[in-house]
Amino acid sequence: MKTNKGLEFEQPIYDLEMQIEKLASADENANAEQLRGLRRDLAQRTKEIYGSLSAWQKVRVARHPDRPHTADYLSLVFDEFVELHGDKLFGDDRAMITGLAKVGKYKVMVVGHQKGRTIKERAECYFGCAHPEGYRKALAKIKLAAKYGVPVICLIDTPGAYPGIGAEERGQSQAIAENMFEMSRIKTPIICIVIGEGGSGGALGVGVGDKVAMLEHSYYSVISPEGCAGILWKSHEHAEKAAEALRFTSEHLLGFGIVDDVIEEPLGGAHRDHHQTAFSLKRYLLGSLRELVDTPKSELLENRYAKFRRMGEFIENASA
């Protein structure tokens, strides 16, 4: 799963891993004591690095080329996935995957962004930037799920909706707005999880739910750091400064009440252990489904409405 290119702040981790691999391949028994020490050092160094990541470094982790995507979770978390295609209006957007599946004992509808791994896959998926037909496809499948009382799982991983002329001509903003409106009143449980990037309206288009959670090293923002830097400082070179100012990491958003929960990632990030990340994600989904499926529909909608209405409330300091 891992590439040969790590992030620059991960270099001490990769150096220790290379030492361990070299000693283990030479003679693991003879070097047992040294290997134990190096493995302790590796765990400690990884903990130190990932325990003090800056906002910009978290963005880099969220974009890591080895980070698991929606397609990976479909095979690791869900069973019996059957993909459903098309929006019945224009076409089938490969940046948005939809289909029926099972997680534990629950039948669910899965909706998720897909970025692709290879150059060909990324081009087909527009690097995870969905077109209007992708959002219309998502909404059509969510409505189908509601018709049969099936819970919906939305996996969010996009830098933003596709910004091209064709997408605008086919009603990009209208499609996203309609999704948000309709998802606010869909009478079935909806669980939304940011698994990597949660960028702008592209994320919000499938981000209205009863539970909104994030993986530990993901981000969820009104704009990308580069976009923010381009607007405020007229240069993408200030992306790191913008990332700090946007307050879009899991710790910030949990404190602001934007997300309900943060799902812990394995030590060193999700890209280091897909299976452990999938296990944590599945455990969270099962717990949330147990909580939501028996909730009366009227209460579900009332709580969902109140949840989003609370966002953005603040109190001004009268003495300021």
Protein backbone atom coordinates (compact mmCIF):
# COMPACT_ATOMS: atom_id res chain seq x y z
CA MET A 1 0.00 0.00 0.00
CA LYS A 2 2.86 2.42 0.76
CA THR A 3 4.72 4.45 -1.85
CA ASN A 4 8.40 5.22 -1.63
CA LYS A 5 7.71 8.92 -1.10
CA GLY A 6 6.87 10.00 2.41
CA LEU A 7 6.07 13.49 3.61
CA GLU A 8 9.16 15.46 4.62
CA PHE A 9 8.20 15.60 8.31
CA GLU A 10 7.84 11.81 8.26
CA GLN A 11 11.46 11.28 7.22
CA PRO A 12 12.69 10.29 10.72
CA ILE A 13 9.98 7.61 10.77
CA TYR A 14 11.02 6.25 7.38
CA ASP A 15 14.69 6.25 8.40
CA LEU A 16 13.93 4.13 11.48
CA GLU A 17 11.75 1.79 9.44
CA MET A 18 14.57 1.29 6.94
CA GLN A 19 17.01 0.47 9.77
CA ILE A 20 14.56 -2.06 11.21
CA GLU A 21 13.95 -3.65 7.81
CA LYS A 22 17.69 -3.89 7.12
CA LEU A 23 18.49 -5.53 10.48
CA ALA A 24 15.51 -7.89 10.27
CA SER A 25 16.44 -9.06 6.77
CA ALA A 26 20.08 -9.63 7.80
CA ASP A 27 19.46 -11.79 10.89
CA GLU A 28 16.41 -11.08 13.03
CA ASN A 29 17.40 -13.46 15.84
CA ALA A 30 20.94 -12.14 16.15
CA ASN A 31 19.72 -8.54 16.15
CA ALA A 32 16.67 -9.15 18.36
CA GLU A 33 17.70 -6.79 21.17
CA GLN A 34 18.66 -3.98 18.81
CA LEU A 35 15.42 -4.46 16.87
CA ARG A 36 13.35 -4.18 20.03
CA GLY A 37 15.06 -0.90 20.87
CA LEU A 38 14.56 0.47 17.36
CA ARG A 39 10.88 -0.51 17.38
CA ARG A 40 10.41 1.31 20.67
CA ASP A 41 12.16 4.34 19.20
CA LEU A 42 9.96 4.14 16.10
CA ALA A 43 6.73 4.07 18.12
CA GLN A 44 7.91 6.97 20.28
CA ARG A 45 9.12 9.08 17.35
CA THR A 46 5.90 8.48 15.40
CA LYS A 47 3.85 9.44 18.44
CA GLU A 48 5.85 12.64 18.89
CA ILE A 49 5.55 13.68 15.24
CA TYR A 50 1.86 12.89 14.86
CA GLY A 51 1.01 14.29 18.25
CA SER A 52 2.17 17.77 17.24
CA LEU A 53 1.12 18.15 13.59
CA SER A 54 0.39 21.66 12.37
CA ALA A 55 -2.83 22.35 10.44
CA TRP A 56 -0.89 22.38 7.15
CA GLN A 57 0.80 19.09 7.96
CA LYS A 58 -2.64 17.58 8.62
CA VAL A 59 -3.71 18.74 5.17
CA ARG A 60 -0.68 16.94 3.74
CA VAL A 61 -1.64 13.76 5.62
CA ALA A 62 -5.26 14.05 4.41
CA ARG A 63 -3.92 14.20 0.84
CA HIS A 64 -1.35 11.43 1.27
CA PRO A 65 -1.25 9.26 -1.90
CA ASP A 66 -1.47 6.07 0.19
CA ARG A 67 -4.45 7.22 2.27
CA PRO A 68 -7.45 4.87 1.90
CA HIS A 69 -10.21 6.10 -0.40
CA THR A 70 -13.92 5.29 -0.57
CA ALA A 71 -13.22 2.30 -2.86
CA ASP A 72 -10.84 0.86 -0.26
CA TYR A 73 -13.44 1.13 2.50
CA LEU A 74 -16.04 -0.53 0.29
CA SER A 75 -13.98 -3.72 0.39
CA LEU A 76 -12.67 -3.39 3.96
CA VAL A 77 -15.77 -2.17 5.83
CA PHE A 78 -18.79 -3.22 3.78
CA ASP A 79 -20.11 -6.51 2.41
CA GLU A 80 -22.14 -7.32 -0.70
CA PHE A 81 -21.64 -3.90 -2.32
CA VAL A 82 -23.71 -3.43 -5.47
CA GLU A 83 -22.91 -0.22 -7.35
CA LEU A 84 -25.74 1.90 -8.72
CA HIS A 85 -24.93 4.15 -11.67
CA GLY A 86 -26.16 7.35 -13.27
CA ASP A 87 -28.38 10.31 -12.45
CA LYS A 88 -31.02 9.53 -15.15
CA LEU A 89 -30.49 13.01 -16.56
CA PHE A 90 -26.98 13.35 -17.98
CA GLY A 91 -24.49 10.62 -17.14
CA ASP A 92 -22.54 8.62 -14.58
CA ASP A 93 -19.99 10.70 -12.66
CA ARG A 94 -17.11 8.47 -11.57
CA ALA A 95 -16.09 11.00 -8.88
CA MET A 96 -19.14 9.88 -6.89
CA ILE A 97 -19.69 6.21 -6.02
CA THR A 98 -23.13 5.06 -4.93
CA GLY A 99 -24.52 1.64 -4.13
CA LEU A 100 -26.22 -0.73 -1.72
CA ALA A 101 -24.16 -2.67 0.82
CA LYS A 102 -24.19 -4.28 4.25
CA VAL A 103 -22.24 -3.31 7.34
CA GLY A 104 -22.69 -5.81 10.13
CA LYS A 105 -26.38 -6.68 10.19
CA TYR A 106 -27.47 -3.38 8.61
CA LYS A 107 -28.36 -2.83 4.96
CA VAL A 108 -27.16 0.64 3.92
CA MET A 109 -26.82 2.95 0.95
CA VAL A 110 -23.23 4.12 0.51
CA VAL A 111 -22.44 7.44 -1.16
CA GLY A 112 -18.83 8.56 -1.42
CA HIS A 113 -16.29 10.62 -3.34
CA GLN A 114 -13.63 8.69 -5.19
CA LYS A 115 -10.25 10.15 -6.18
CA GLY A 116 -8.58 7.21 -7.93
CA ARG A 117 -5.05 5.82 -7.54
CA THR A 118 -3.49 5.66 -10.99
CA ILE A 119 -3.26 8.61 -13.40
CA LYS A 120 -6.00 7.03 -15.53
CA GLU A 121 -8.31 6.51 -12.54
CA ARG A 122 -7.70 10.03 -11.27
CA ALA A 123 -8.55 11.50 -14.67
CA GLU A 124 -11.76 9.44 -14.82
CA CYS A 125 -12.69 10.56 -11.28
CA TYR A 126 -11.64 14.20 -11.82
CA PHE A 127 -9.42 13.83 -8.72
CA GLY A 128 -12.52 13.48 -6.55
CA CYS A 129 -14.21 16.66 -7.83
CA ALA A 130 -17.80 15.71 -8.66
CA HIS A 131 -19.93 17.28 -11.39
CA PRO A 132 -23.64 18.17 -11.00
CA GLU A 133 -24.58 14.72 -12.27
CA GLY A 134 -22.56 13.23 -9.41
CA TYR A 135 -24.58 15.15 -6.83
CA ARG A 136 -27.84 14.37 -8.61
CA LYS A 137 -26.87 10.70 -8.67
CA ALA A 138 -26.13 10.84 -4.94
CA LEU A 139 -29.48 12.47 -4.17
CA ALA A 140 -31.42 10.01 -6.32
CA LYS A 141 -29.85 7.06 -4.47
CA ILE A 142 -30.41 8.72 -1.06
CA LYS A 143 -34.10 9.16 -1.92
CA LEU A 144 -34.23 5.52 -3.02
CA ALA A 145 -32.77 4.51 0.34
CA ALA A 146 -35.37 6.60 2.18
CA LYS A 147 -38.18 4.98 0.19
CA TYR A 148 -37.21 1.56 1.57
CA GLY A 149 -36.10 2.74 5.02
CA VAL A 150 -32.39 2.07 4.41
CA PRO A 151 -29.81 4.20 6.32
CA VAL A 152 -27.35 6.25 4.28
CA ILE A 153 -23.56 6.40 4.76
CA CYS A 154 -21.75 9.34 3.11
CA LEU A 155 -17.95 9.19 2.81
CA ILE A 156 -16.54 12.64 2.05
CA ASP A 157 -13.16 13.04 0.36
CA THR A 158 -12.92 15.92 -2.10
CA PRO A 159 -10.94 19.14 -2.54
CA GLY A 160 -14.19 20.67 -3.84
CA ALA A 161 -16.84 20.34 -6.51
CA TYR A 162 -15.60 20.40 -10.13
CA PRO A 163 -15.08 24.09 -11.08
CA GLY A 164 -15.19 23.78 -14.90
CA ILE A 165 -17.46 25.60 -17.33
CA GLY A 166 -19.41 22.45 -18.20
CA ALA A 167 -20.23 21.83 -14.54
CA GLU A 168 -21.43 25.40 -14.12
CA GLU A 169 -23.53 25.18 -17.27
CA ARG A 170 -25.24 22.06 -15.92
CA GLY A 171 -26.09 23.72 -12.60
CA GLN A 172 -23.33 22.87 -10.12
CA SER A 173 -24.42 25.28 -7.38
CA GLN A 174 -28.09 24.36 -7.81
CA ALA A 175 -27.31 20.63 -7.54
CA ILE A 176 -25.34 21.13 -4.30
CA ALA A 177 -27.99 23.44 -2.81
CA GLU A 178 -30.75 20.98 -3.68
CA ASN A 179 -28.83 18.12 -2.07
CA MET A 180 -28.38 20.08 1.15
CA PHE A 181 -32.04 21.03 1.24
CA GLU A 182 -33.34 17.54 0.50
CA MET A 183 -30.90 15.78 2.84
CA SER A 184 -32.10 18.00 5.69
CA ARG A 185 -35.55 16.41 5.43
CA ILE A 186 -34.86 12.86 4.21
CA LYS A 187 -36.68 10.44 6.52
CA THR A 188 -33.92 7.92 7.05
CA PRO A 189 -30.74 7.97 9.19
CA ILE A 190 -27.77 9.66 7.51
CA ILE A 191 -24.18 9.33 8.74
CA CYS A 192 -21.52 11.55 7.12
CA ILE A 193 -17.81 10.97 7.62
CA VAL A 194 -14.92 13.05 6.28
CA ILE A 195 -12.27 10.45 5.43
CA GLY A 196 -9.70 12.79 3.86
CA GLU A 197 -10.37 16.18 2.36
CA GLY A 198 -13.65 17.94 3.09
CA GLY A 199 -13.48 20.87 0.73
CA SER A 200 -16.11 23.58 0.26
CA GLY A 201 -19.54 22.90 -1.32
CA GLY A 202 -18.19 19.70 -2.81
CA ALA A 203 -18.19 18.23 0.70
CA LEU A 204 -21.41 19.92 1.84
CA GLY A 205 -23.29 18.41 -1.10
CA VAL A 206 -23.28 15.05 0.71
CA GLY A 207 -22.55 16.39 4.20
CA VAL A 208 -25.94 16.92 5.85
CA GLY A 209 -26.68 14.10 8.29
CA ASP A 210 -27.72 13.01 11.76
CA LYS A 211 -24.10 12.21 12.59
CA VAL A 212 -21.17 14.11 11.09
CA ALA A 213 -17.73 12.76 11.97
CA MET A 214 -14.13 13.09 10.81
CA LEU A 215 -11.13 10.86 10.74
CA GLU A 216 -8.45 12.24 13.03
CA HIS A 217 -6.12 13.58 10.32
CA SER A 218 -8.72 14.86 7.87
CA TYR A 219 -9.87 18.44 7.37
CA TYR A 220 -13.27 20.04 6.68
CA SER A 221 -13.33 23.58 5.37
CA VAL A 222 -15.22 26.24 3.46
CA ILE A 223 -12.22 26.57 1.14
CA SER A 224 -8.86 24.92 0.53
CA PRO A 225 -5.76 26.52 2.14
CA GLU A 226 -4.44 27.38 -1.33
CA GLY A 227 -7.73 29.02 -2.32
CA CYS A 228 -7.86 31.01 0.90
CA ALA A 229 -4.23 32.13 0.48
CA GLY A 230 -4.92 33.19 -3.10
CA ILE A 231 -7.82 35.39 -1.97
CA LEU A 232 -6.34 36.90 1.21
CA TRP A 233 -2.63 37.06 0.40
CA LYS A 234 -2.77 36.86 -3.41
CA SER A 235 -0.41 33.90 -3.44
CA HIS A 236 -0.64 30.15 -2.85
CA GLU A 237 2.72 30.39 -1.10
CA HIS A 238 0.81 31.42 2.04
CA ALA A 239 -1.21 28.18 2.16
CA GLU A 240 0.41 27.16 5.45
CA LYS A 241 -0.61 30.46 7.08
CA ALA A 242 -4.13 30.06 5.68
CA ALA A 243 -4.40 26.53 7.07
CA GLU A 244 -3.67 27.80 10.57
CA ALA A 245 -6.18 30.63 10.23
CA LEU A 246 -9.04 28.48 8.91
CA ARG A 247 -9.31 26.31 12.06
CA PHE A 248 -10.50 23.30 10.05
CA THR A 249 -8.81 20.35 11.75
CA SER A 250 -10.75 17.72 13.67
CA GLU A 251 -9.80 19.21 17.05
CA HIS A 252 -11.05 22.66 16.08
CA LEU A 253 -14.31 21.47 14.50
CA LEU A 254 -15.17 19.17 17.39
CA GLY A 255 -14.79 22.13 19.74
CA PHE A 256 -16.93 24.34 17.50
CA GLY A 257 -19.68 21.73 17.33
CA ILE A 258 -19.40 21.37 13.55
CA VAL A 259 -18.70 17.65 13.86
CA ASP A 260 -20.06 15.24 16.43
CA ASP A 261 -17.15 12.83 16.71
CA VAL A 262 -13.52 12.30 15.72
CA ILE A 263 -12.52 8.77 14.70
CA GLU A 264 -9.02 7.90 15.86
CA GLU A 265 -6.52 6.83 13.21
CA PRO A 266 -3.69 4.31 13.68
CA LEU A 267 -0.38 5.68 14.93
CA GLY A 268 1.22 7.44 11.98
CA GLY A 269 -2.01 8.04 10.05
CA ALA A 270 -4.53 6.02 8.06
CA HIS A 271 -2.08 5.54 5.18
CA ARG A 272 0.08 3.33 7.44
CA ASP A 273 -2.65 0.83 8.29
CA HIS A 274 -5.74 0.63 6.08
CA HIS A 275 -7.19 -2.34 7.95
CA GLN A 276 -6.99 -0.74 11.40
CA THR A 277 -8.53 2.46 10.05
CA ALA A 278 -11.33 0.46 8.43
CA PHE A 279 -11.92 -1.36 11.73
CA SER A 280 -12.29 1.95 13.59
CA LEU A 281 -14.59 3.30 10.90
CA LYS A 282 -16.76 0.18 10.95
CA ARG A 283 -17.00 0.26 14.74
CA TYR A 284 -18.15 3.88 14.61
CA LEU A 285 -20.73 3.14 11.90
CA LEU A 286 -22.19 0.20 13.80
CA GLY A 287 -22.46 2.22 17.01
CA SER A 288 -24.12 5.12 15.20
CA LEU A 289 -26.53 2.87 13.33
CA ARG A 290 -27.60 1.17 16.56
CA GLU A 291 -28.36 4.60 17.98
CA LEU A 292 -30.19 6.01 14.95
CA VAL A 293 -32.22 3.21 13.35
CA ASP A 294 -34.72 2.98 16.21
CA THR A 295 -35.13 6.76 16.58
CA PRO A 296 -38.60 7.91 15.47
CA LYS A 297 -38.45 9.71 12.09
CA SER A 298 -40.00 12.90 13.46
CA GLU A 299 -37.39 13.06 16.21
CA LEU A 300 -34.63 12.27 13.73
CA LEU A 301 -35.59 15.21 11.51
CA GLU A 302 -36.09 17.57 14.44
CA ASN A 303 -32.65 16.74 15.85
CA ARG A 304 -30.99 17.04 12.44
CA TYR A 305 -32.56 20.46 11.85
CA ALA A 306 -31.60 21.71 15.30
CA LYS A 307 -28.05 20.40 14.90
CA PHE A 308 -27.36 22.48 11.80
CA ARG A 309 -29.22 25.54 13.06
CA ARG A 310 -26.90 25.66 16.08
CA MET A 311 -23.81 25.97 13.89
CA GLY A 312 -22.31 29.43 13.71
CA GLU A 313 -23.96 30.78 16.87
CA PHE A 314 -21.73 32.99 18.98
CA ILE A 315 -21.92 35.52 21.81
CA GLU A 316 -20.34 38.94 21.46
CA ASN A 317 -18.40 40.29 24.41
CA ALA A 318 -20.29 43.40 25.50
CA SER A 319 -17.22 44.81 27.21
CA ALA A 320 -15.05 44.58 24.10
